[in-house]
């Protein structure tokens, strides 16, 4: 009888099998997208702020920058990356809220990898920001932006944009883990939003003070903007593209290592 009882109970451990990594990640991506839909104000601001900047720079400053009226072709790549920064900055707050409100304690009781939480935030943010960026590009086309890119060059430009959104979102996620409160996460991340203004996104670097020009040249935004501008205007800049790819890869690696360490340290304390 004991043998029979043991045999009949043997299938039970199979019911407690841990799910694969893809299933939890998919669930947390869906959770992130649901939060985006519910928090429509964040998505609206990620679209409105860059759009208003584009209108101001085009119609208020554009005449002084380029009397020929072609300034919109110059400024759109900078606005695109500004849009990416505004949209990604919300990730820092969302990650910090998860870390400070106790929801991580509930997640840790489930048979899921901890990285699924961060992956969900990052992928959902990338999807949201690609949608916002597409809308901003559409507004640019409506007010006179006239790219000459081929379909392949458009694909390359979108690839660079998506890669940068992934990189900056990963950094914002790590900032959210490092900050002690949602307000702190928002404040620390706000510093990164100034990078496009210290680049070739809005004015040529040669017009900047001499002491500022090395800063503008040797930061990640400038090669990204030059690469995207080259693709969109049908004149790819291979040198800038390779530098931009290297910057994005380095940022993603640093963000993942730093974020993973912070997550294990902070989640382990709870």
C-alpha atoms as a PDB file:
ATOM      1  CA  UNK A   1       0.000   0.000   0.000  1.00  0.00           C
ATOM      2  CA  UNK A   2       2.799   2.391   0.799  1.00  0.00           C
ATOM      3  CA  UNK A   3       4.244   1.817  -2.672  1.00  0.00           C
ATOM      4  CA  UNK A   4       0.922   2.650  -4.265  1.00  0.00           C
ATOM      5  CA  UNK A   5       0.544   5.809  -2.218  1.00  0.00           C
ATOM      6  CA  UNK A   6       4.020   6.981  -3.127  1.00  0.00           C
ATOM      7  CA  UNK A   7       3.431   6.352  -6.816  1.00  0.00           C
ATOM      8  CA  UNK A   8       0.151   8.224  -6.867  1.00  0.00           C
ATOM      9  CA  UNK A   9       1.722  11.238  -5.161  1.00  0.00           C
ATOM     10  CA  UNK A  10       4.773  11.411  -7.408  1.00  0.00           C
ATOM     11  CA  UNK A  11       3.302  13.723 -10.105  1.00  0.00           C
ATOM     12  CA  UNK A  12       2.781  16.518  -7.533  1.00  0.00           C
ATOM     13  CA  UNK A  13       6.230  18.168  -7.907  1.00  0.00           C
ATOM     14  CA  UNK A  14       5.557  18.707 -11.617  1.00  0.00           C
ATOM     15  CA  UNK A  15       2.712  21.026 -10.645  1.00  0.00           C
ATOM     16  CA  UNK A  16       5.192  23.313  -8.931  1.00  0.00           C
ATOM     17  CA  UNK A  17       7.499  23.712 -11.914  1.00  0.00           C
ATOM     18  CA  UNK A  18       8.901  27.195 -12.317  1.00  0.00           C
ATOM     19  CA  UNK A  19       7.711  29.105 -15.400  1.00  0.00           C
ATOM     20  CA  UNK A  20      10.160  29.995 -18.142  1.00  0.00           C
ATOM     21  CA  UNK A  21      11.747  33.418 -18.219  1.00  0.00           C
ATOM     22  CA  UNK A  22       9.781  34.602 -21.243  1.00  0.00           C
ATOM     23  CA  UNK A  23       6.371  34.180 -19.632  1.00  0.00           C
ATOM     24  CA  UNK A  24       7.024  36.458 -16.602  1.00  0.00           C
ATOM     25  CA  UNK A  25       8.752  39.031 -18.836  1.00  0.00           C
ATOM     26  CA  UNK A  26       5.724  39.080 -21.143  1.00  0.00           C
ATOM     27  CA  UNK A  27       3.418  39.544 -18.158  1.00  0.00           C
ATOM     28  CA  UNK A  28       5.449  42.481 -16.810  1.00  0.00           C
ATOM     29  CA  UNK A  29       5.654  44.082 -20.247  1.00  0.00           C
ATOM     30  CA  UNK A  30       1.868  43.903 -20.403  1.00  0.00           C
ATOM     31  CA  UNK A  31       1.714  45.388 -16.908  1.00  0.00           C
ATOM     32  CA  UNK A  32       3.936  48.278 -17.988  1.00  0.00           C
ATOM     33  CA  UNK A  33       1.848  48.976 -21.080  1.00  0.00           C
ATOM     34  CA  UNK A  34      -1.336  48.852 -18.993  1.00  0.00           C
ATOM     35  CA  UNK A  35       0.128  51.423 -16.605  1.00  0.00           C
ATOM     36  CA  UNK A  36       0.991  53.604 -19.602  1.00  0.00           C
ATOM     37  CA  UNK A  37      -2.583  53.453 -20.865  1.00  0.00           C
ATOM     38  CA  UNK A  38      -3.946  54.248 -17.417  1.00  0.00           C
ATOM     39  CA  UNK A  39      -1.476  57.088 -16.924  1.00  0.00           C
ATOM     40  CA  UNK A  40      -2.300  58.874 -20.144  1.00  0.00           C
ATOM     41  CA  UNK A  41      -0.892  62.147 -18.825  1.00  0.00           C
ATOM     42  CA  UNK A  42       2.685  60.804 -18.946  1.00  0.00           C
ATOM     43  CA  UNK A  43       2.269  59.716 -22.577  1.00  0.00           C
ATOM     44  CA  UNK A  44       0.565  63.003 -23.446  1.00  0.00           C
ATOM     45  CA  UNK A  45       3.417  65.035 -21.952  1.00  0.00           C
ATOM     46  CA  UNK A  46       6.001  62.862 -23.741  1.00  0.00           C
ATOM     47  CA  UNK A  47       4.323  63.946 -26.997  1.00  0.00           C
ATOM     48  CA  UNK A  48       3.282  67.515 -26.164  1.00  0.00           C
ATOM     49  CA  UNK A  49       6.572  68.826 -24.741  1.00  0.00           C
ATOM     50  CA  UNK A  50       8.741  67.858 -27.747  1.00  0.00           C
ATOM     51  CA  UNK A  51       6.023  69.014 -30.133  1.00  0.00           C
ATOM     52  CA  UNK A  52       5.850  72.418 -28.441  1.00  0.00           C
ATOM     53  CA  UNK A  53       9.652  72.635 -28.514  1.00  0.00           C
ATOM     54  CA  UNK A  54       9.608  71.875 -32.235  1.00  0.00           C
ATOM     55  CA  UNK A  55       7.031  74.589 -32.871  1.00  0.00           C
ATOM     56  CA  UNK A  56       8.941  77.140 -30.772  1.00  0.00           C
ATOM     57  CA  UNK A  57      12.316  76.414 -32.377  1.00  0.00           C
ATOM     58  CA  UNK A  58      10.840  76.324 -35.882  1.00  0.00           C
ATOM     59  CA  UNK A  59       8.581  79.368 -35.792  1.00  0.00           C
ATOM     60  CA  UNK A  60      10.187  81.549 -33.099  1.00  0.00           C
ATOM     61  CA  UNK A  61      13.918  80.877 -33.470  1.00  0.00           C
ATOM     62  CA  UNK A  62      13.972  79.294 -36.922  1.00  0.00           C
ATOM     63  CA  UNK A  63      14.113  82.556 -38.836  1.00  0.00           C
ATOM     64  CA  UNK A  64      17.144  83.718 -36.877  1.00  0.00           C
ATOM     65  CA  UNK A  65      18.868  80.336 -37.167  1.00  0.00           C
ATOM     66  CA  UNK A  66      18.241  79.843 -40.876  1.00  0.00           C
ATOM     67  CA  UNK A  67      16.498  82.627 -42.852  1.00  0.00           C
ATOM     68  CA  UNK A  68      15.989  80.211 -45.779  1.00  0.00           C
ATOM     69  CA  UNK A  69      13.305  78.371 -43.753  1.00  0.00           C
ATOM     70  CA  UNK A  70      15.115  75.033 -43.710  1.00  0.00           C
ATOM     71  CA  UNK A  71      15.828  75.058 -39.987  1.00  0.00           C
ATOM     72  CA  UNK A  72      13.092  72.486 -39.391  1.00  0.00           C
ATOM     73  CA  UNK A  73      15.150  69.936 -41.339  1.00  0.00           C
ATOM     74  CA  UNK A  74      18.067  70.600 -39.006  1.00  0.00           C
ATOM     75  CA  UNK A  75      16.200  70.593 -35.702  1.00  0.00           C
ATOM     76  CA  UNK A  76      13.921  67.534 -36.037  1.00  0.00           C
ATOM     77  CA  UNK A  77      16.601  64.937 -35.113  1.00  0.00           C
ATOM     78  CA  UNK A  78      17.355  66.857 -31.916  1.00  0.00           C
ATOM     79  CA  UNK A  79      13.658  67.056 -31.082  1.00  0.00           C
ATOM     80  CA  UNK A  80      13.328  63.297 -31.654  1.00  0.00           C
ATOM     81  CA  UNK A  81      16.003  62.509 -29.061  1.00  0.00           C
ATOM     82  CA  UNK A  82      14.525  65.098 -26.694  1.00  0.00           C
ATOM     83  CA  UNK A  83      11.208  63.267 -27.054  1.00  0.00           C
ATOM     84  CA  UNK A  84      12.947  59.992 -26.197  1.00  0.00           C
ATOM     85  CA  UNK A  85      14.408  61.528 -23.033  1.00  0.00           C
ATOM     86  CA  UNK A  86      11.093  62.943 -21.828  1.00  0.00           C
ATOM     87  CA  UNK A  87       9.328  59.637 -22.388  1.00  0.00           C
ATOM     88  CA  UNK A  88      12.034  57.503 -20.792  1.00  0.00           C
ATOM     89  CA  UNK A  89      12.301  59.691 -17.680  1.00  0.00           C
ATOM     90  CA  UNK A  90       8.983  58.331 -16.383  1.00  0.00           C
ATOM     91  CA  UNK A  91      10.613  54.903 -16.114  1.00  0.00           C
ATOM     92  CA  UNK A  92      12.760  56.092 -13.204  1.00  0.00           C
ATOM     93  CA  UNK A  93       9.662  57.055 -11.243  1.00  0.00           C
ATOM     94  CA  UNK A  94       7.762  53.865 -12.121  1.00  0.00           C
ATOM     95  CA  UNK A  95      10.660  51.618 -11.068  1.00  0.00           C
ATOM     96  CA  UNK A  96      11.135  53.555  -7.833  1.00  0.00           C
ATOM     97  CA  UNK A  97       7.445  53.279  -6.998  1.00  0.00           C
ATOM     98  CA  UNK A  98       7.700  49.502  -7.357  1.00  0.00           C
ATOM     99  CA  UNK A  99      10.740  49.448  -5.068  1.00  0.00           C
ATOM    100  CA  UNK A 100       9.290  51.707  -2.355  1.00  0.00           C
ATOM    101  CA  UNK A 101       5.627  50.676  -2.125  1.00  0.00           C
ATOM    102  CA  UNK A 102       6.107  47.020  -1.183  1.00  0.00           C
ATOM    103  CA  UNK A 103       4.995  45.420  -4.444  1.00  0.00           C
ATOM    104  CA  UNK A 104       8.466  43.890  -4.839  1.00  0.00           C
ATOM    105  CA  UNK A 105       7.834  41.878  -1.650  1.00  0.00           C
ATOM    106  CA  UNK A 106       4.860  40.251  -3.347  1.00  0.00           C
ATOM    107  CA  UNK A 107       6.805  39.573  -6.519  1.00  0.00           C
ATOM    108  CA  UNK A 108       9.600  37.899  -4.532  1.00  0.00           C
ATOM    109  CA  UNK A 109       7.147  35.312  -3.200  1.00  0.00           C
ATOM    110  CA  UNK A 110       6.380  34.203  -6.755  1.00  0.00           C
ATOM    111  CA  UNK A 111       8.477  31.775  -8.826  1.00  0.00           C
ATOM    112  CA  UNK A 112       9.658  34.466 -11.259  1.00  0.00           C
ATOM    113  CA  UNK A 113      13.112  35.925 -12.005  1.00  0.00           C
ATOM    114  CA  UNK A 114      13.624  39.363 -10.479  1.00  0.00           C
ATOM    115  CA  UNK A 115      14.939  40.733 -13.784  1.00  0.00           C
ATOM    116  CA  UNK A 116      11.473  40.306 -15.297  1.00  0.00           C
ATOM    117  CA  UNK A 117      10.309  43.394 -13.383  1.00  0.00           C
ATOM    118  CA  UNK A 118      13.002  45.596 -14.923  1.00  0.00           C
ATOM    119  CA  UNK A 119      12.613  44.049 -18.377  1.00  0.00           C
ATOM    120  CA  UNK A 120       8.900  44.787 -18.256  1.00  0.00           C
ATOM    121  CA  UNK A 121       9.460  48.453 -17.413  1.00  0.00           C
ATOM    122  CA  UNK A 122      12.150  48.914 -20.069  1.00  0.00           C
ATOM    123  CA  UNK A 123      10.360  47.174 -22.955  1.00  0.00           C
ATOM    124  CA  UNK A 124       7.037  48.886 -22.189  1.00  0.00           C
ATOM    125  CA  UNK A 125       8.812  52.263 -22.112  1.00  0.00           C
ATOM    126  CA  UNK A 126      10.548  51.574 -25.434  1.00  0.00           C
ATOM    127  CA  UNK A 127       7.226  50.715 -27.097  1.00  0.00           C
ATOM    128  CA  UNK A 128       5.555  53.813 -25.629  1.00  0.00           C
ATOM    129  CA  UNK A 129       8.378  56.086 -26.716  1.00  0.00           C
ATOM    130  CA  UNK A 130       8.518  54.701 -30.251  1.00  0.00           C
ATOM    131  CA  UNK A 131       4.830  55.545 -30.582  1.00  0.00           C
ATOM    132  CA  UNK A 132       5.426  59.058 -29.206  1.00  0.00           C
ATOM    133  CA  UNK A 133       8.442  59.555 -31.477  1.00  0.00           C
ATOM    134  CA  UNK A 134       6.438  58.512 -34.537  1.00  0.00           C
ATOM    135  CA  UNK A 135       3.797  61.104 -33.674  1.00  0.00           C
ATOM    136  CA  UNK A 136       6.444  63.800 -33.225  1.00  0.00           C
ATOM    137  CA  UNK A 137       7.958  62.936 -36.624  1.00  0.00           C
ATOM    138  CA  UNK A 138       4.464  63.178 -38.114  1.00  0.00           C
ATOM    139  CA  UNK A 139       4.072  66.668 -36.661  1.00  0.00           C
ATOM    140  CA  UNK A 140       7.455  67.595 -38.123  1.00  0.00           C
ATOM    141  CA  UNK A 141       6.323  66.433 -41.564  1.00  0.00           C
ATOM    142  CA  UNK A 142       3.162  68.505 -41.179  1.00  0.00           C
ATOM    143  CA  UNK A 143       5.097  71.728 -40.499  1.00  0.00           C
ATOM    144  CA  UNK A 144       7.606  71.349 -43.322  1.00  0.00           C
ATOM    145  CA  UNK A 145      10.164  68.673 -42.434  1.00  0.00           C
ATOM    146  CA  UNK A 146      11.214  67.146 -45.747  1.00  0.00           C
ATOM    147  CA  UNK A 147      13.566  64.156 -45.346  1.00  0.00           C
ATOM    148  CA  UNK A 148      15.080  62.592 -48.459  1.00  0.00           C
ATOM    149  CA  UNK A 149      15.810  59.176 -46.931  1.00  0.00           C
ATOM    150  CA  UNK A 150      15.275  55.953 -48.822  1.00  0.00           C
ATOM    151  CA  UNK A 151      13.193  53.198 -47.143  1.00  0.00           C
ATOM    152  CA  UNK A 152      16.412  51.518 -45.986  1.00  0.00           C
ATOM    153  CA  UNK A 153      17.703  54.787 -44.531  1.00  0.00           C
ATOM    154  CA  UNK A 154      14.393  55.344 -42.735  1.00  0.00           C
ATOM    155  CA  UNK A 155      14.754  51.853 -41.249  1.00  0.00           C
ATOM    156  CA  UNK A 156      18.318  52.628 -40.154  1.00  0.00           C
ATOM    157  CA  UNK A 157      17.212  55.912 -38.562  1.00  0.00           C
ATOM    158  CA  UNK A 158      14.419  54.173 -36.643  1.00  0.00           C
ATOM    159  CA  UNK A 159      16.888  51.500 -35.578  1.00  0.00           C
ATOM    160  CA  UNK A 160      19.201  54.151 -34.116  1.00  0.00           C
ATOM    161  CA  UNK A 161      16.272  55.857 -32.392  1.00  0.00           C
ATOM    162  CA  UNK A 162      15.066  52.555 -30.891  1.00  0.00           C
ATOM    163  CA  UNK A 163      18.577  51.714 -29.706  1.00  0.00           C
ATOM    164  CA  UNK A 164      18.949  55.085 -27.995  1.00  0.00           C
ATOM    165  CA  UNK A 165      15.527  54.785 -26.366  1.00  0.00           C
ATOM    166  CA  UNK A 166      16.573  51.378 -25.014  1.00  0.00           C
ATOM    167  CA  UNK A 167      19.848  52.805 -23.710  1.00  0.00           C
ATOM    168  CA  UNK A 168      18.422  55.863 -21.989  1.00  0.00           C
ATOM    169  CA  UNK A 169      15.457  53.898 -20.608  1.00  0.00           C
ATOM    170  CA  UNK A 170      17.876  51.387 -19.078  1.00  0.00           C
ATOM    171  CA  UNK A 171      19.769  54.225 -17.388  1.00  0.00           C
ATOM    172  CA  UNK A 172      16.544  55.745 -16.077  1.00  0.00           C
ATOM    173  CA  UNK A 173      15.506  52.337 -14.700  1.00  0.00           C
ATOM    174  CA  UNK A 174      18.814  52.117 -12.817  1.00  0.00           C
ATOM    175  CA  UNK A 175      18.331  55.671 -11.509  1.00  0.00           C
ATOM    176  CA  UNK A 176      14.904  54.630 -10.251  1.00  0.00           C
ATOM    177  CA  UNK A 177      16.530  51.783  -8.332  1.00  0.00           C
ATOM    178  CA  UNK A 178      19.238  54.031  -6.882  1.00  0.00           C
ATOM    179  CA  UNK A 179      16.932  56.865  -5.757  1.00  0.00           C
ATOM    180  CA  UNK A 180      15.358  56.834  -2.333  1.00  0.00           C
ATOM    181  CA  UNK A 181      11.984  58.203  -3.422  1.00  0.00           C
ATOM    182  CA  UNK A 182       9.933  58.891  -6.579  1.00  0.00           C
ATOM    183  CA  UNK A 183      10.715  62.611  -6.258  1.00  0.00           C
ATOM    184  CA  UNK A 184      14.416  61.832  -6.072  1.00  0.00           C
ATOM    185  CA  UNK A 185      14.199  59.553  -9.110  1.00  0.00           C
ATOM    186  CA  UNK A 186      12.493  62.311 -11.080  1.00  0.00           C
ATOM    187  CA  UNK A 187      15.068  64.901 -10.013  1.00  0.00           C
ATOM    188  CA  UNK A 188      18.171  62.819 -10.738  1.00  0.00           C
ATOM    189  CA  UNK A 189      16.869  61.755 -14.137  1.00  0.00           C
ATOM    190  CA  UNK A 190      16.005  65.333 -15.074  1.00  0.00           C
ATOM    191  CA  UNK A 191      19.722  66.088 -15.436  1.00  0.00           C
ATOM    192  CA  UNK A 192      19.951  63.748 -18.442  1.00  0.00           C
ATOM    193  CA  UNK A 193      17.220  65.685 -20.244  1.00  0.00           C
ATOM    194  CA  UNK A 194      19.641  68.585 -20.772  1.00  0.00           C
ATOM    195  CA  UNK A 195      22.056  66.532 -22.904  1.00  0.00           C
ATOM    196  CA  UNK A 196      20.305  67.312 -26.243  1.00  0.00           C
ATOM    197  CA  UNK A 197      20.737  71.050 -25.596  1.00  0.00           C
ATOM    198  CA  UNK A 198      24.500  70.551 -25.175  1.00  0.00           C
ATOM    199  CA  UNK A 199      24.842  68.887 -28.551  1.00  0.00           C
ATOM    200  CA  UNK A 200      24.495  69.667 -32.250  1.00  0.00           C
ATOM    201  CA  UNK A 201      20.749  69.083 -32.001  1.00  0.00           C
ATOM    202  CA  UNK A 202      19.666  72.726 -32.080  1.00  0.00           C
ATOM    203  CA  UNK A 203      22.685  74.752 -33.204  1.00  0.00           C
ATOM    204  CA  UNK A 204      25.996  73.883 -34.894  1.00  0.00           C
ATOM    205  CA  UNK A 205      28.745  73.143 -32.379  1.00  0.00           C
ATOM    206  CA  UNK A 206      31.000  75.733 -34.057  1.00  0.00           C
ATOM    207  CA  UNK A 207      28.670  78.512 -32.823  1.00  0.00           C
ATOM    208  CA  UNK A 208      29.148  77.516 -29.162  1.00  0.00           C
ATOM    209  CA  UNK A 209      31.812  79.006 -26.843  1.00  0.00           C
ATOM    210  CA  UNK A 210      35.186  77.333 -27.294  1.00  0.00           C
ATOM    211  CA  UNK A 211      35.187  75.873 -23.786  1.00  0.00           C
ATOM    212  CA  UNK A 212      31.808  74.204 -24.440  1.00  0.00           C
ATOM    213  CA  UNK A 213      32.597  72.721 -27.845  1.00  0.00           C
ATOM    214  CA  UNK A 214      34.599  69.698 -26.528  1.00  0.00           C
ATOM    215  CA  UNK A 215      31.706  68.846 -24.195  1.00  0.00           C
ATOM    216  CA  UNK A 216      29.228  68.994 -27.065  1.00  0.00           C
ATOM    217  CA  UNK A 217      31.405  66.874 -29.345  1.00  0.00           C
ATOM    218  CA  UNK A 218      32.316  64.157 -26.859  1.00  0.00           C
ATOM    219  CA  UNK A 219      28.948  63.156 -25.450  1.00  0.00           C
ATOM    220  CA  UNK A 220      26.560  60.490 -26.780  1.00  0.00           C
ATOM    221  CA  UNK A 221      23.824  62.747 -28.151  1.00  0.00           C
ATOM    222  CA  UNK A 222      25.920  64.506 -30.797  1.00  0.00           C
ATOM    223  CA  UNK A 223      26.989  61.390 -32.788  1.00  0.00           C
ATOM    224  CA  UNK A 224      23.450  60.039 -32.461  1.00  0.00           C
ATOM    225  CA  UNK A 225      21.933  63.224 -33.858  1.00  0.00           C
ATOM    226  CA  UNK A 226      24.476  63.425 -36.667  1.00  0.00           C
ATOM    227  CA  UNK A 227      23.825  59.782 -37.531  1.00  0.00           C
ATOM    228  CA  UNK A 228      20.028  60.139 -37.525  1.00  0.00           C
ATOM    229  CA  UNK A 229      20.220  63.454 -39.413  1.00  0.00           C
ATOM    230  CA  UNK A 230      22.456  61.829 -42.016  1.00  0.00           C
ATOM    231  CA  UNK A 231      20.093  58.900 -42.532  1.00  0.00           C
ATOM    232  CA  UNK A 232      16.969  61.088 -42.744  1.00  0.00           C
ATOM    233  CA  UNK A 233      18.530  63.566 -45.163  1.00  0.00           C
ATOM    234  CA  UNK A 234      19.986  60.877 -47.427  1.00  0.00           C
ATOM    235  CA  UNK A 235      23.624  61.460 -46.458  1.00  0.00           C
ATOM    236  CA  UNK A 236      24.610  58.756 -43.942  1.00  0.00           C
ATOM    237  CA  UNK A 237      27.541  59.633 -41.687  1.00  0.00           C
ATOM    238  CA  UNK A 238      29.336  56.314 -41.130  1.00  0.00           C
ATOM    239  CA  UNK A 239      31.784  57.711 -38.590  1.00  0.00           C
ATOM    240  CA  UNK A 240      29.047  59.171 -36.376  1.00  0.00           C
ATOM    241  CA  UNK A 241      27.004  55.988 -36.681  1.00  0.00           C
ATOM    242  CA  UNK A 242      29.791  53.762 -35.337  1.00  0.00           C
ATOM    243  CA  UNK A 243      30.485  56.158 -32.465  1.00  0.00           C
ATOM    244  CA  UNK A 244      26.758  56.317 -31.649  1.00  0.00           C
ATOM    245  CA  UNK A 245      26.482  52.521 -31.655  1.00  0.00           C
ATOM    246  CA  UNK A 246      29.454  52.268 -29.305  1.00  0.00           C
ATOM    247  CA  UNK A 247      27.929  54.825 -26.927  1.00  0.00           C
ATOM    248  CA  UNK A 248      24.566  53.029 -26.877  1.00  0.00           C
ATOM    249  CA  UNK A 249      26.146  49.621 -26.288  1.00  0.00           C
ATOM    250  CA  UNK A 250      28.299  50.976 -23.444  1.00  0.00           C
ATOM    251  CA  UNK A 251      25.334  52.711 -21.792  1.00  0.00           C
ATOM    252  CA  UNK A 252      23.162  49.582 -21.969  1.00  0.00           C
ATOM    253  CA  UNK A 253      25.909  47.389 -20.472  1.00  0.00           C
ATOM    254  CA  UNK A 254      26.606  49.846 -17.643  1.00  0.00           C
ATOM    255  CA  UNK A 255      22.892  50.294 -16.931  1.00  0.00           C
ATOM    256  CA  UNK A 256      22.214  46.545 -16.852  1.00  0.00           C
ATOM    257  CA  UNK A 257      25.169  45.767 -14.580  1.00  0.00           C
ATOM    258  CA  UNK A 258      24.443  48.694 -12.262  1.00  0.00           C
ATOM    259  CA  UNK A 259      20.686  48.077 -12.272  1.00  0.00           C
ATOM    260  CA  UNK A 260      21.048  44.339 -11.661  1.00  0.00           C
ATOM    261  CA  UNK A 261      23.375  44.956  -8.718  1.00  0.00           C
ATOM    262  CA  UNK A 262      21.035  47.577  -7.223  1.00  0.00           C
ATOM    263  CA  UNK A 263      17.997  45.343  -7.658  1.00  0.00           C
ATOM    264  CA  UNK A 264      19.629  42.355  -5.951  1.00  0.00           C
ATOM    265  CA  UNK A 265      20.927  44.524  -3.111  1.00  0.00           C
ATOM    266  CA  UNK A 266      17.712  46.443  -2.456  1.00  0.00           C
ATOM    267  CA  UNK A 267      15.267  43.605  -3.051  1.00  0.00           C
ATOM    268  CA  UNK A 268      17.372  41.325  -0.850  1.00  0.00           C
ATOM    269  CA  UNK A 269      16.988  43.667   2.101  1.00  0.00           C
ATOM    270  CA  UNK A 270      13.214  43.396   2.162  1.00  0.00           C
END
